[in-house]
Amino acid sequence: MVGFGPGGRLRDLHQSGSAKVFLPNMHGAVPEVVFLNTSGGLTGGDRLSFALSLGARARAVATTQTAERAYASAGGQAEVTVDLTLAPGAALDWLPQETILFDRSALSRRLRADVAGDARLLMAETVVLGRAAMGETVRDVALHDWREVRRDGRPVFVEPLRVTTPTLSAGPAALALADGRAARAFATVALIAPGAEDALGPVRAALSDIGVEAAASAWNGRAVARLMAADAAPLKRALARILDTLRGSPLPRVWQI
């Protein structure tokens, strides 16, 4: 758990078990928070939780040191929870690296963000089905993902996602690309902030000629982009382009593009 007080001064820091946190850039204009799972991955029965809170007018960028890995489960599911809290005037970029699902993995993940009415939250989530470079094929998987953002206590963005074994062969209704191939990687980017609709034009411009299937929409303080690709590498490059458009600054140094 990491907490910054009003203006961005470090207020709380607690870590235990395999959930660790690094603070590599505490003296910059925007502090950087890097979460880490020292166990090297997740499997059935594991539980992991991260929390980050920002006081009034505090700013931060939060990410993970590397891709999270959900390995084959011998029984039960791994559980991950993320809790984000943004006070008035706070701004957070929640930019974890991708989650890689291995064959026979089972993962339940929940993110909840409570933001003040004038706070700004940018978040990205990426899922990759196996490692293409290793020739891995995912045929059996169970992912239950839930992302929820509440502004002043009211839900403004709720995105449930369930990927199961039937999903992998559901065709155009699920992970099929326009050329008939199956998508191995997919991502969502969401900006929740007053005036987020103004980002739609620049985001759509960034989506042109990026080599992945993508679309964007915006309404009432929300701008959302979704991407799918046959491999993780082109998707990460496209994701970096969108995030650069929305942030106007480089990605955290731990990202590898």
Protein backbone atom coordinates (compact mmCIF):
# COMPACT_ATOMS: atom_id res chain seq x y z
CA MET A 1 0.00 0.00 0.00
CA VAL A 2 1.30 3.44 -0.95
CA GLY A 3 -0.26 6.75 0.02
CA PHE A 4 0.64 10.31 -0.92
CA GLY A 5 -0.66 13.26 1.07
CA PRO A 6 -1.88 16.61 -0.29
CA GLY A 7 0.60 17.98 -2.78
CA GLY A 8 2.31 14.62 -3.29
CA ARG A 9 4.39 14.00 -0.15
CA LEU A 10 4.78 10.31 0.75
CA ARG A 11 2.45 9.55 3.64
CA ASP A 12 1.99 5.77 3.85
CA LEU A 13 4.09 2.81 2.77
CA HIS A 14 3.35 -0.79 3.71
CA GLN A 15 4.42 -4.02 2.04
CA SER A 16 4.31 -7.66 3.02
CA GLY A 17 4.58 -11.11 1.52
CA SER A 18 5.41 -11.11 -2.18
CA ALA A 19 3.70 -7.75 -2.81
CA LYS A 20 6.47 -5.13 -2.92
CA VAL A 21 6.80 -1.58 -4.14
CA PHE A 22 9.69 0.56 -5.43
CA LEU A 23 9.73 4.36 -5.51
CA PRO A 24 12.47 5.11 -8.07
CA ASN A 25 11.60 8.73 -8.83
CA MET A 26 10.50 10.44 -5.65
CA HIS A 27 12.25 13.71 -6.43
CA GLY A 28 10.80 14.30 -9.88
CA ALA A 29 7.80 16.45 -10.69
CA VAL A 30 5.59 13.32 -10.75
CA PRO A 31 6.50 10.44 -8.38
CA GLU A 32 6.73 6.98 -9.94
CA VAL A 33 5.40 3.91 -8.12
CA VAL A 34 6.50 0.46 -9.28
CA PHE A 35 4.65 -2.54 -7.85
CA LEU A 36 6.26 -5.98 -7.90
CA ASN A 37 5.21 -9.57 -7.23
CA THR A 38 8.42 -11.22 -6.01
CA SER A 39 6.97 -14.72 -6.37
CA GLY A 40 7.43 -14.46 -10.13
CA GLY A 41 3.83 -15.23 -11.02
CA LEU A 42 0.42 -16.41 -9.87
CA THR A 43 -1.26 -19.78 -9.66
CA GLY A 44 -4.32 -21.32 -8.04
CA GLY A 45 -4.80 -20.21 -4.43
CA ASP A 46 -2.51 -17.16 -4.61
CA ARG A 47 -3.82 -13.82 -3.40
CA LEU A 48 -2.20 -10.50 -4.19
CA SER A 49 -3.37 -6.96 -3.46
CA PHE A 50 -2.10 -3.48 -4.27
CA ALA A 51 -3.44 -0.13 -3.07
CA LEU A 52 -2.55 3.46 -3.92
CA SER A 53 -4.09 6.65 -2.59
CA LEU A 54 -3.44 10.24 -3.64
CA GLY A 55 -4.26 13.25 -1.49
CA ALA A 56 -5.56 16.55 -2.78
CA ARG A 57 -3.65 17.78 -5.87
CA ALA A 58 -1.18 14.89 -5.68
CA ARG A 59 0.10 13.35 -8.92
CA ALA A 60 1.68 9.96 -9.57
CA VAL A 61 2.44 7.35 -12.19
CA ALA A 62 2.04 3.72 -11.12
CA THR A 63 3.12 0.61 -13.00
CA THR A 64 4.50 -2.89 -12.47
CA GLN A 65 8.14 -3.88 -12.78
CA THR A 66 7.43 -6.54 -15.37
CA ALA A 67 4.59 -8.51 -16.92
CA GLU A 68 2.46 -10.45 -14.45
CA ARG A 69 2.17 -14.17 -15.23
CA ALA A 70 -0.76 -16.44 -14.43
CA TYR A 71 0.50 -20.03 -14.56
CA ALA A 72 -1.39 -23.32 -14.87
CA SER A 73 -3.48 -24.03 -11.81
CA ALA A 74 -3.64 -27.39 -10.09
CA GLY A 75 -6.81 -26.25 -8.34
CA GLY A 76 -8.61 -23.01 -7.54
CA GLN A 77 -7.91 -19.59 -8.93
CA ALA A 78 -5.45 -16.79 -8.27
CA GLU A 79 -6.93 -13.55 -6.98
CA VAL A 80 -5.64 -10.01 -7.49
CA THR A 81 -7.21 -6.83 -6.12
CA VAL A 82 -6.24 -3.23 -6.86
CA ASP A 83 -7.70 -0.28 -4.94
CA LEU A 84 -7.07 3.28 -6.11
CA THR A 85 -8.22 6.43 -4.31
CA LEU A 86 -7.93 9.95 -5.74
CA ALA A 87 -8.77 13.04 -3.68
CA PRO A 88 -9.88 16.37 -5.26
CA GLY A 89 -7.45 17.63 -7.88
CA ALA A 90 -5.37 14.42 -7.87
CA ALA A 91 -4.09 12.79 -11.05
CA LEU A 92 -2.96 9.18 -11.50
CA ASP A 93 -1.70 7.22 -14.47
CA TRP A 94 -2.27 3.53 -13.68
CA LEU A 95 -0.14 1.75 -16.29
CA PRO A 96 0.65 -1.84 -15.30
CA GLN A 97 2.50 -3.96 -17.81
CA GLU A 98 0.68 -6.84 -19.47
CA THR A 99 -0.76 -9.91 -17.77
CA ILE A 100 0.28 -13.13 -19.53
CA LEU A 101 -2.15 -16.03 -19.22
CA PHE A 102 -0.66 -19.50 -19.59
CA ASP A 103 -2.59 -22.61 -20.57
CA ARG A 104 -4.85 -23.91 -17.77
CA SER A 105 -4.48 -20.69 -15.78
CA ALA A 106 -7.33 -19.36 -13.64
CA LEU A 107 -7.29 -15.72 -12.55
CA SER A 108 -9.85 -13.46 -10.88
CA ARG A 109 -8.88 -9.80 -10.80
CA ARG A 110 -10.72 -6.76 -9.47
CA LEU A 111 -9.78 -3.10 -9.76
CA ARG A 112 -11.80 -0.44 -7.97
CA ALA A 113 -11.02 3.27 -8.20
CA ASP A 114 -12.75 5.93 -6.11
CA VAL A 115 -12.07 9.36 -7.59
CA ALA A 116 -13.17 12.86 -6.69
CA GLY A 117 -15.22 14.78 -9.21
CA ASP A 118 -12.30 16.83 -10.55
CA ALA A 119 -9.64 14.11 -10.29
CA ARG A 120 -7.98 12.59 -13.37
CA LEU A 121 -7.45 8.86 -13.80
CA LEU A 122 -5.78 7.30 -16.83
CA MET A 123 -5.60 3.51 -16.78
CA ALA A 124 -4.52 0.77 -19.13
CA GLU A 125 -4.91 -3.01 -18.88
CA THR A 126 -3.38 -5.54 -21.27
CA VAL A 127 -3.87 -9.31 -21.49
CA VAL A 128 -1.68 -11.66 -23.53
CA LEU A 129 -2.57 -15.30 -24.21
CA GLY A 130 0.74 -17.13 -23.94
CA ARG A 131 4.15 -16.22 -25.34
CA ALA A 132 4.35 -16.34 -29.12
CA ALA A 133 8.16 -16.48 -29.11
CA MET A 134 8.00 -19.70 -27.09
CA GLY A 135 5.41 -21.27 -29.39
CA GLU A 136 2.84 -21.44 -26.60
CA THR A 137 -0.83 -22.04 -27.36
CA VAL A 138 -3.54 -21.31 -24.81
CA ARG A 139 -6.48 -23.70 -25.16
CA ASP A 140 -7.89 -23.77 -21.63
CA VAL A 141 -8.13 -20.58 -19.57
CA ALA A 142 -10.36 -18.82 -17.04
CA LEU A 143 -10.07 -15.06 -16.57
CA HIS A 144 -12.60 -12.99 -14.66
CA ASP A 145 -11.67 -9.32 -14.72
CA TRP A 146 -13.67 -6.49 -13.16
CA ARG A 147 -12.77 -2.80 -13.44
CA GLU A 148 -14.91 -0.18 -11.73
CA VAL A 149 -14.43 3.57 -11.37
CA ARG A 150 -16.62 5.63 -9.06
CA ARG A 151 -16.67 9.41 -9.26
CA ASP A 152 -17.91 11.05 -6.07
CA GLY A 153 -19.36 7.69 -5.08
CA ARG A 154 -21.28 7.07 -8.32
CA PRO A 155 -20.17 4.43 -10.84
CA VAL A 156 -19.04 6.05 -14.09
CA PHE A 157 -17.06 3.21 -15.67
CA VAL A 158 -17.74 -0.49 -15.10
CA GLU A 159 -16.08 -3.08 -17.31
CA PRO A 160 -16.54 -6.78 -16.57
CA LEU A 161 -14.53 -9.18 -18.70
CA ARG A 162 -14.68 -12.95 -18.76
CA VAL A 163 -12.42 -15.05 -20.97
CA THR A 164 -13.00 -18.79 -20.82
CA THR A 165 -12.12 -21.79 -22.94
CA PRO A 166 -15.20 -21.35 -25.19
CA THR A 167 -14.22 -17.69 -25.71
CA LEU A 168 -11.04 -18.76 -27.49
CA SER A 169 -13.04 -20.36 -30.30
CA ALA A 170 -16.08 -18.04 -30.38
CA GLY A 171 -15.04 -16.36 -33.64
CA PRO A 172 -16.00 -12.75 -34.48
CA ALA A 173 -18.08 -12.47 -31.32
CA ALA A 174 -14.93 -12.66 -29.22
CA LEU A 175 -11.24 -12.65 -30.15
CA ALA A 176 -11.25 -13.11 -33.93
CA LEU A 177 -9.44 -10.50 -36.03
CA ALA A 178 -10.68 -9.22 -39.38
CA ASP A 179 -8.19 -11.40 -41.25
CA GLY A 180 -9.50 -14.55 -39.54
CA ARG A 181 -6.64 -14.97 -37.11
CA ALA A 182 -7.25 -15.16 -33.38
CA ALA A 183 -6.18 -12.24 -31.23
CA ARG A 184 -3.41 -13.22 -28.82
CA ALA A 185 -3.29 -9.82 -27.11
CA PHE A 186 -5.90 -7.20 -26.23
CA ALA A 187 -5.97 -4.01 -24.18
CA THR A 188 -8.23 -1.27 -22.86
CA VAL A 189 -7.24 2.33 -22.20
CA ALA A 190 -9.62 4.56 -20.26
CA LEU A 191 -9.34 8.23 -19.32
CA ILE A 192 -11.75 9.30 -16.60
CA ALA A 193 -11.60 13.05 -16.08
CA PRO A 194 -13.56 16.26 -16.65
CA GLY A 195 -13.32 17.05 -20.35
CA ALA A 196 -12.00 13.61 -21.30
CA GLU A 197 -14.18 13.76 -24.42
CA ASP A 198 -11.71 16.26 -25.91
CA ALA A 199 -9.14 13.46 -26.17
CA LEU A 200 -11.20 11.48 -28.68
CA GLY A 201 -9.90 13.22 -31.80
CA PRO A 202 -6.20 12.88 -30.90
CA VAL A 203 -6.71 9.25 -29.80
CA ARG A 204 -8.43 8.30 -33.05
CA ALA A 205 -5.63 9.99 -34.98
CA ALA A 206 -3.10 7.96 -33.00
CA LEU A 207 -5.02 4.77 -33.84
CA SER A 208 -4.62 5.22 -37.60
CA ASP A 209 -2.06 3.02 -39.36
CA ILE A 210 -0.84 1.31 -36.19
CA GLY A 211 -1.13 -2.28 -37.42
CA VAL A 212 -3.67 -3.49 -34.86
CA GLU A 213 -7.45 -3.52 -34.69
CA ALA A 214 -8.65 -0.67 -32.48
CA ALA A 215 -11.51 1.71 -31.84
CA ALA A 216 -12.22 4.61 -29.50
CA SER A 217 -15.23 6.41 -28.09
CA ALA A 218 -15.87 9.21 -25.60
CA TRP A 219 -18.79 10.54 -23.59
CA ASN A 220 -19.50 12.46 -20.39
CA GLY A 221 -16.03 12.68 -18.93
CA ARG A 222 -14.79 9.35 -20.29
CA ALA A 223 -12.63 8.39 -23.25
CA VAL A 224 -12.03 4.70 -23.96
CA ALA A 225 -9.90 2.88 -26.54
CA ARG A 226 -9.80 -0.88 -27.14
CA LEU A 227 -7.15 -2.76 -29.08
CA MET A 228 -6.61 -6.33 -30.33
CA ALA A 229 -3.64 -7.89 -32.12
CA ALA A 230 -2.31 -11.27 -33.16
CA ASP A 231 0.81 -10.74 -31.05
CA ALA A 232 1.86 -8.73 -28.02
CA ALA A 233 4.65 -6.72 -29.65
CA PRO A 234 2.56 -4.68 -32.13
CA LEU A 235 -0.12 -4.19 -29.51
CA LYS A 236 2.38 -2.76 -27.00
CA ARG A 237 3.73 -0.37 -29.62
CA ALA A 238 0.21 0.80 -30.43
CA LEU A 239 -0.59 1.12 -26.74
CA ALA A 240 2.53 3.21 -26.19
CA ARG A 241 1.45 5.52 -28.99
CA ILE A 242 -1.98 6.08 -27.45
CA LEU A 243 -0.57 6.62 -23.97
CA ASP A 244 1.98 9.08 -25.32
CA THR A 245 -0.88 10.99 -26.94
CA LEU A 246 -2.86 11.11 -23.70
CA ARG A 247 0.08 11.80 -21.39
CA GLY A 248 2.50 13.87 -23.43
CA SER A 249 5.41 12.24 -21.59
CA PRO A 250 7.43 9.02 -21.90
CA LEU A 251 6.24 5.74 -20.46
CA PRO A 252 7.73 4.56 -17.15
CA ARG A 253 11.31 3.38 -17.58
CA VAL A 254 10.46 -0.21 -16.62
CA TRP A 255 8.35 -0.62 -19.76
CA GLN A 256 10.14 -2.52 -22.49
CA ILE A 257 8.96 -1.68 -26.02
